[in-house]
Amino acid sequence: MTKKEIVRHISEETGLTQAVVKEIVQKTFDAILDSLARGERVELRNFGVFEIRRRAARKARNLSTGEPIMVPERSVVVFKPSKQMESRVETSDQDQRFTESGFIPKTKSDLEKESLPDDN
């Protein structure tokens, strides 16, 4: 789902114009980014937590030449989903990528239960 799709969905749900919703969504994202840039933790109840972690400098290898290189220390954004998010995702019926194509994969146990036709 893209930001544009989020804006359209919220606009349809609330009756607000897409322009107003787009500004609100963008301001929300900006507030999250500003907080992270200041090194603050962003906790969204029933959604998850964004925070900055420092990755230590480390040795790596240039895959093209094979020579060792040093990767400098850096900051990365990490996201930890809430229990509610994890539960909701886990109990969702199916992967949406397959819904659009009409193909719904079966579980391994379902496939094992089906017997293959005999060649005789």
N, C-alpha and C. Protein backbone atom coordinates (compact mmCIF):
# COMPACT_ATOMS: atom_id res chain seq x y z
N MET A 1 0.85 -1.16 0.00
CA MET A 1 0.00 0.00 0.00
C MET A 1 0.90 1.23 0.00
N THR A 2 0.55 2.18 -0.83
CA THR A 2 1.33 3.41 -0.93
C THR A 2 0.69 4.51 -0.08
N LYS A 3 1.43 5.62 0.07
CA LYS A 3 0.89 6.75 0.82
C LYS A 3 -0.38 7.26 0.14
N LYS A 4 -0.37 7.28 -1.18
CA LYS A 4 -1.54 7.75 -1.93
C LYS A 4 -2.76 6.86 -1.64
N GLU A 5 -2.55 5.57 -1.56
CA GLU A 5 -3.65 4.64 -1.25
C GLU A 5 -4.14 4.83 0.18
N ILE A 6 -3.22 5.09 1.10
CA ILE A 6 -3.61 5.36 2.49
C ILE A 6 -4.47 6.62 2.54
N VAL A 7 -4.04 7.67 1.84
CA VAL A 7 -4.79 8.93 1.81
C VAL A 7 -6.18 8.69 1.24
N ARG A 8 -6.26 7.97 0.14
CA ARG A 8 -7.56 7.70 -0.49
C ARG A 8 -8.47 6.93 0.46
N HIS A 9 -7.93 5.93 1.13
CA HIS A 9 -8.72 5.11 2.05
C HIS A 9 -9.26 5.95 3.22
N ILE A 10 -8.38 6.74 3.83
CA ILE A 10 -8.80 7.58 4.96
C ILE A 10 -9.82 8.61 4.50
N SER A 11 -9.62 9.17 3.32
CA SER A 11 -10.54 10.16 2.78
C SER A 11 -11.93 9.55 2.60
N GLU A 12 -11.99 8.35 2.07
CA GLU A 12 -13.27 7.67 1.87
C GLU A 12 -13.94 7.34 3.21
N GLU A 13 -13.13 6.95 4.20
CA GLU A 13 -13.67 6.58 5.51
C GLU A 13 -14.18 7.78 6.30
N THR A 14 -13.50 8.92 6.16
CA THR A 14 -13.83 10.07 7.00
C THR A 14 -14.67 11.14 6.29
N GLY A 15 -14.66 11.12 4.97
CA GLY A 15 -15.37 12.16 4.23
C GLY A 15 -14.56 13.43 4.07
N LEU A 16 -13.34 13.45 4.58
CA LEU A 16 -12.45 14.60 4.39
C LEU A 16 -11.88 14.57 2.97
N THR A 17 -11.48 15.73 2.47
CA THR A 17 -10.88 15.76 1.14
C THR A 17 -9.51 15.08 1.17
N GLN A 18 -9.10 14.59 0.01
CA GLN A 18 -7.79 13.95 -0.07
C GLN A 18 -6.67 14.93 0.22
N ALA A 19 -6.86 16.19 -0.14
CA ALA A 19 -5.83 17.20 0.12
C ALA A 19 -5.61 17.38 1.63
N VAL A 20 -6.69 17.43 2.39
CA VAL A 20 -6.59 17.59 3.84
C VAL A 20 -5.95 16.35 4.46
N VAL A 21 -6.41 15.18 4.03
CA VAL A 21 -5.88 13.92 4.58
C VAL A 21 -4.41 13.78 4.23
N LYS A 22 -4.04 14.14 3.01
CA LYS A 22 -2.63 14.05 2.60
C LYS A 22 -1.75 14.91 3.49
N GLU A 23 -2.22 16.12 3.81
CA GLU A 23 -1.45 17.01 4.68
C GLU A 23 -1.32 16.42 6.09
N ILE A 24 -2.39 15.83 6.61
CA ILE A 24 -2.35 15.22 7.95
C ILE A 24 -1.40 14.04 7.96
N VAL A 25 -1.50 13.18 6.95
CA VAL A 25 -0.63 12.00 6.87
C VAL A 25 0.83 12.45 6.78
N GLN A 26 1.10 13.43 5.93
CA GLN A 26 2.48 13.91 5.78
C GLN A 26 3.00 14.52 7.07
N LYS A 27 2.17 15.30 7.75
CA LYS A 27 2.57 15.90 9.04
C LYS A 27 2.86 14.81 10.07
N THR A 28 2.09 13.74 10.04
CA THR A 28 2.33 12.61 10.95
C THR A 28 3.69 11.98 10.68
N PHE A 29 3.97 11.71 9.39
CA PHE A 29 5.26 11.13 9.03
C PHE A 29 6.41 12.08 9.40
N ASP A 30 6.21 13.38 9.15
CA ASP A 30 7.24 14.36 9.48
C ASP A 30 7.52 14.39 10.99
N ALA A 31 6.46 14.30 11.80
CA ALA A 31 6.64 14.30 13.26
C ALA A 31 7.42 13.07 13.70
N ILE A 32 7.13 11.93 13.10
CA ILE A 32 7.88 10.70 13.43
C ILE A 32 9.35 10.87 13.04
N LEU A 33 9.59 11.35 11.83
CA LEU A 33 10.98 11.55 11.37
C LEU A 33 11.73 12.55 12.21
N ASP A 34 11.08 13.65 12.57
CA ASP A 34 11.73 14.66 13.40
C ASP A 34 12.12 14.09 14.76
N SER A 35 11.24 13.31 15.35
CA SER A 35 11.53 12.70 16.66
C SER A 35 12.70 11.74 16.55
N LEU A 36 12.71 10.91 15.51
CA LEU A 36 13.81 9.97 15.32
C LEU A 36 15.12 10.71 15.08
N ALA A 37 15.07 11.79 14.32
CA ALA A 37 16.28 12.59 14.04
C ALA A 37 16.86 13.17 15.33
N ARG A 38 15.99 13.46 16.30
CA ARG A 38 16.46 13.96 17.60
C ARG A 38 16.88 12.82 18.53
N GLY A 39 16.80 11.60 18.05
CA GLY A 39 17.21 10.44 18.86
C GLY A 39 16.12 9.95 19.79
N GLU A 40 14.90 10.42 19.61
CA GLU A 40 13.80 10.01 20.48
C GLU A 40 13.15 8.72 19.98
N ARG A 41 12.59 8.02 20.90
CA ARG A 41 11.84 6.79 20.62
C ARG A 41 10.40 7.19 20.31
N VAL A 42 9.81 6.58 19.27
CA VAL A 42 8.43 6.89 18.90
C VAL A 42 7.59 5.65 19.15
N GLU A 43 6.68 5.75 20.11
CA GLU A 43 5.83 4.62 20.47
C GLU A 43 4.39 4.92 20.07
N LEU A 44 3.86 4.09 19.20
CA LEU A 44 2.48 4.21 18.75
C LEU A 44 1.72 3.01 19.31
N ARG A 45 0.92 3.24 20.33
CA ARG A 45 0.20 2.17 21.01
C ARG A 45 -0.58 1.32 20.02
N ASN A 46 -0.57 0.03 20.23
CA ASN A 46 -1.24 -0.97 19.39
C ASN A 46 -0.71 -1.01 17.96
N PHE A 47 0.41 -0.35 17.70
CA PHE A 47 1.03 -0.39 16.39
C PHE A 47 2.46 -0.88 16.49
N GLY A 48 3.31 -0.11 17.23
CA GLY A 48 4.69 -0.52 17.39
C GLY A 48 5.57 0.62 17.83
N VAL A 49 6.87 0.34 17.87
CA VAL A 49 7.85 1.31 18.35
C VAL A 49 8.95 1.48 17.30
N PHE A 50 9.25 2.74 16.98
CA PHE A 50 10.39 3.09 16.13
C PHE A 50 11.46 3.63 17.04
N GLU A 51 12.71 3.22 16.81
CA GLU A 51 13.81 3.80 17.56
C GLU A 51 15.09 3.71 16.75
N ILE A 52 16.07 4.51 17.17
CA ILE A 52 17.37 4.55 16.52
C ILE A 52 18.33 3.66 17.30
N ARG A 53 19.07 2.85 16.58
CA ARG A 53 20.12 2.03 17.21
C ARG A 53 21.43 2.30 16.48
N ARG A 54 22.51 2.21 17.22
CA ARG A 54 23.84 2.39 16.64
C ARG A 54 24.38 1.03 16.24
N ARG A 55 24.84 0.94 15.01
CA ARG A 55 25.52 -0.26 14.54
C ARG A 55 27.01 0.02 14.64
N ALA A 56 27.72 -0.87 15.31
CA ALA A 56 29.15 -0.68 15.51
C ALA A 56 29.90 -0.82 14.18
N ALA A 57 31.08 -0.22 14.13
CA ALA A 57 31.95 -0.39 12.97
C ALA A 57 32.31 -1.86 12.88
N ARG A 58 32.50 -2.34 11.65
CA ARG A 58 32.82 -3.76 11.50
C ARG A 58 33.67 -3.97 10.25
N LYS A 59 34.31 -5.13 10.24
CA LYS A 59 35.09 -5.52 9.07
C LYS A 59 34.15 -6.21 8.09
N ALA A 60 34.36 -5.95 6.81
CA ALA A 60 33.59 -6.60 5.76
C ALA A 60 34.54 -6.92 4.61
N ARG A 61 34.00 -7.47 3.56
CA ARG A 61 34.83 -7.81 2.42
C ARG A 61 34.17 -7.28 1.16
N ASN A 62 34.97 -6.62 0.31
CA ASN A 62 34.48 -6.18 -0.98
C ASN A 62 34.25 -7.42 -1.84
N LEU A 63 33.01 -7.66 -2.22
CA LEU A 63 32.69 -8.89 -2.95
C LEU A 63 33.32 -8.93 -4.34
N SER A 64 33.57 -7.78 -4.93
CA SER A 64 34.17 -7.73 -6.26
C SER A 64 35.65 -8.08 -6.23
N THR A 65 36.38 -7.48 -5.26
CA THR A 65 37.83 -7.65 -5.23
C THR A 65 38.30 -8.63 -4.17
N GLY A 66 37.44 -8.89 -3.19
CA GLY A 66 37.82 -9.78 -2.10
C GLY A 66 38.65 -9.10 -1.02
N GLU A 67 38.96 -7.83 -1.20
CA GLU A 67 39.79 -7.15 -0.21
C GLU A 67 38.97 -6.72 1.00
N PRO A 68 39.55 -6.78 2.19
CA PRO A 68 38.83 -6.37 3.40
C PRO A 68 38.63 -4.86 3.44
N ILE A 69 37.48 -4.44 3.97
CA ILE A 69 37.18 -3.02 4.14
C ILE A 69 36.55 -2.82 5.51
N MET A 70 36.59 -1.58 6.00
CA MET A 70 35.94 -1.26 7.27
C MET A 70 34.63 -0.53 6.96
N VAL A 71 33.56 -1.03 7.55
CA VAL A 71 32.27 -0.35 7.46
C VAL A 71 32.16 0.51 8.71
N PRO A 72 31.96 1.81 8.55
CA PRO A 72 31.93 2.69 9.72
C PRO A 72 30.68 2.50 10.58
N GLU A 73 30.76 2.98 11.81
CA GLU A 73 29.62 2.97 12.71
C GLU A 73 28.52 3.80 12.07
N ARG A 74 27.25 3.39 12.30
CA ARG A 74 26.15 4.16 11.74
C ARG A 74 24.88 3.98 12.57
N SER A 75 23.95 4.89 12.36
CA SER A 75 22.66 4.80 13.02
C SER A 75 21.66 4.17 12.07
N VAL A 76 20.79 3.31 12.60
CA VAL A 76 19.74 2.69 11.81
C VAL A 76 18.41 2.81 12.55
N VAL A 77 17.33 2.88 11.79
CA VAL A 77 16.00 2.90 12.37
C VAL A 77 15.52 1.46 12.48
N VAL A 78 15.02 1.10 13.66
CA VAL A 78 14.45 -0.23 13.84
C VAL A 78 12.99 -0.07 14.24
N PHE A 79 12.19 -1.05 13.88
CA PHE A 79 10.77 -1.05 14.21
C PHE A 79 10.43 -2.35 14.89
N LYS A 80 9.76 -2.25 16.03
CA LYS A 80 9.29 -3.44 16.74
C LYS A 80 7.78 -3.38 16.77
N PRO A 81 7.12 -4.32 16.09
CA PRO A 81 5.66 -4.30 16.06
C PRO A 81 5.07 -4.63 17.42
N SER A 82 3.87 -4.11 17.67
CA SER A 82 3.17 -4.41 18.92
C SER A 82 2.65 -5.84 18.88
N LYS A 83 2.30 -6.35 20.04
CA LYS A 83 1.71 -7.69 20.12
C LYS A 83 0.42 -7.74 19.30
N GLN A 84 -0.36 -6.66 19.38
CA GLN A 84 -1.62 -6.61 18.64
C GLN A 84 -1.37 -6.69 17.13
N MET A 85 -0.35 -5.97 16.64
CA MET A 85 -0.03 -6.04 15.22
C MET A 85 0.41 -7.44 14.83
N GLU A 86 1.30 -8.02 15.61
CA GLU A 86 1.77 -9.36 15.31
C GLU A 86 0.61 -10.36 15.28
N SER A 87 -0.28 -10.24 16.24
CA SER A 87 -1.43 -11.14 16.31
C SER A 87 -2.34 -10.96 15.10
N ARG A 88 -2.59 -9.73 14.73
CA ARG A 88 -3.49 -9.45 13.61
C ARG A 88 -2.91 -9.94 12.29
N VAL A 89 -1.62 -9.74 12.11
CA VAL A 89 -0.97 -10.21 10.89
C VAL A 89 -0.96 -11.73 10.85
N GLU A 90 -0.68 -12.34 11.98
CA GLU A 90 -0.61 -13.80 12.05
C GLU A 90 -1.95 -14.45 11.76
N THR A 91 -3.04 -13.81 12.18
CA THR A 91 -4.36 -14.41 12.00
C THR A 91 -5.05 -13.96 10.71
N SER A 92 -4.34 -13.15 9.89
CA SER A 92 -4.96 -12.75 8.62
C SER A 92 -5.16 -13.99 7.77
N ASP A 93 -6.21 -14.00 6.99
CA ASP A 93 -6.62 -15.20 6.25
C ASP A 93 -5.60 -15.66 5.22
N GLN A 94 -5.07 -14.72 4.47
CA GLN A 94 -4.16 -15.11 3.40
C GLN A 94 -3.28 -13.95 2.99
N ASP A 95 -2.24 -14.29 2.27
CA ASP A 95 -1.33 -13.28 1.76
C ASP A 95 -2.02 -12.52 0.64
N GLN A 96 -2.12 -11.19 0.77
CA GLN A 96 -2.85 -10.38 -0.20
C GLN A 96 -2.24 -10.42 -1.60
N ARG A 97 -0.96 -10.73 -1.71
CA ARG A 97 -0.34 -10.81 -3.04
C ARG A 97 -1.00 -11.89 -3.87
N PHE A 98 -1.45 -12.96 -3.23
CA PHE A 98 -2.06 -14.06 -3.95
C PHE A 98 -3.52 -13.80 -4.24
N THR A 99 -4.18 -13.01 -3.43
CA THR A 99 -5.59 -12.71 -3.63
C THR A 99 -5.81 -12.02 -4.96
N GLU A 100 -4.94 -11.06 -5.28
CA GLU A 100 -5.09 -10.31 -6.52
C GLU A 100 -4.96 -11.19 -7.75
N SER A 101 -4.09 -12.19 -7.70
CA SER A 101 -3.87 -13.04 -8.86
C SER A 101 -4.90 -14.16 -8.95
N GLY A 102 -5.65 -14.38 -7.86
CA GLY A 102 -6.61 -15.47 -7.86
C GLY A 102 -6.01 -16.78 -7.40
N PHE A 103 -4.71 -16.82 -7.18
CA PHE A 103 -4.05 -18.02 -6.72
C PHE A 103 -3.91 -17.99 -5.21
N ILE A 104 -4.46 -18.97 -4.55
CA ILE A 104 -4.34 -19.05 -3.09
C ILE A 104 -3.57 -20.32 -2.78
N PRO A 105 -2.34 -20.19 -2.28
CA PRO A 105 -1.52 -21.37 -2.02
C PRO A 105 -2.10 -22.21 -0.89
N LYS A 106 -1.91 -23.50 -1.02
CA LYS A 106 -2.35 -24.41 0.03
C LYS A 106 -1.21 -24.65 0.99
N THR A 107 -1.56 -25.05 2.20
CA THR A 107 -0.53 -25.37 3.17
C THR A 107 0.09 -26.71 2.81
N LYS A 108 1.24 -26.97 3.35
CA LYS A 108 1.93 -28.23 3.08
C LYS A 108 1.06 -29.41 3.49
N SER A 109 0.38 -29.29 4.64
CA SER A 109 -0.45 -30.40 5.09
C SER A 109 -1.63 -30.63 4.13
N ASP A 110 -2.20 -29.56 3.56
CA ASP A 110 -3.28 -29.72 2.59
C ASP A 110 -2.78 -30.45 1.35
N LEU A 111 -1.57 -30.09 0.91
CA LEU A 111 -1.02 -30.73 -0.28
C LEU A 111 -0.72 -32.20 -0.03
N GLU A 112 -0.27 -32.51 1.19
CA GLU A 112 0.04 -33.90 1.52
C GLU A 112 -1.22 -34.76 1.59
N LYS A 113 -2.35 -34.15 1.95
CA LYS A 113 -3.61 -34.90 2.05
C LYS A 113 -4.15 -35.28 0.67
N GLU A 114 -3.86 -34.42 -0.32
CA GLU A 114 -4.35 -34.73 -1.66
C GLU A 114 -3.52 -35.85 -2.25
N SER A 115 -4.19 -36.78 -2.86
CA SER A 115 -3.45 -37.88 -3.48
C SER A 115 -3.28 -37.58 -4.95
N LEU A 116 -2.14 -37.94 -5.47
CA LEU A 116 -1.86 -37.74 -6.89
C LEU A 116 -2.56 -38.84 -7.69
N PRO A 117 -3.07 -38.52 -8.89
CA PRO A 117 -3.73 -39.56 -9.70
C PRO A 117 -2.72 -40.61 -10.13
N ASP A 118 -3.18 -41.85 -10.19
CA ASP A 118 -2.32 -42.96 -10.62
C ASP A 118 -2.08 -42.86 -12.13
N ASP A 119 -0.88 -43.26 -12.56
CA ASP A 119 -0.55 -43.22 -13.98
C ASP A 119 -1.09 -44.43 -14.71
N ASN A 120 -1.63 -45.43 -13.99
CA ASN A 120 -2.10 -46.68 -14.61
C ASN A 120 -3.39 -46.49 -15.30
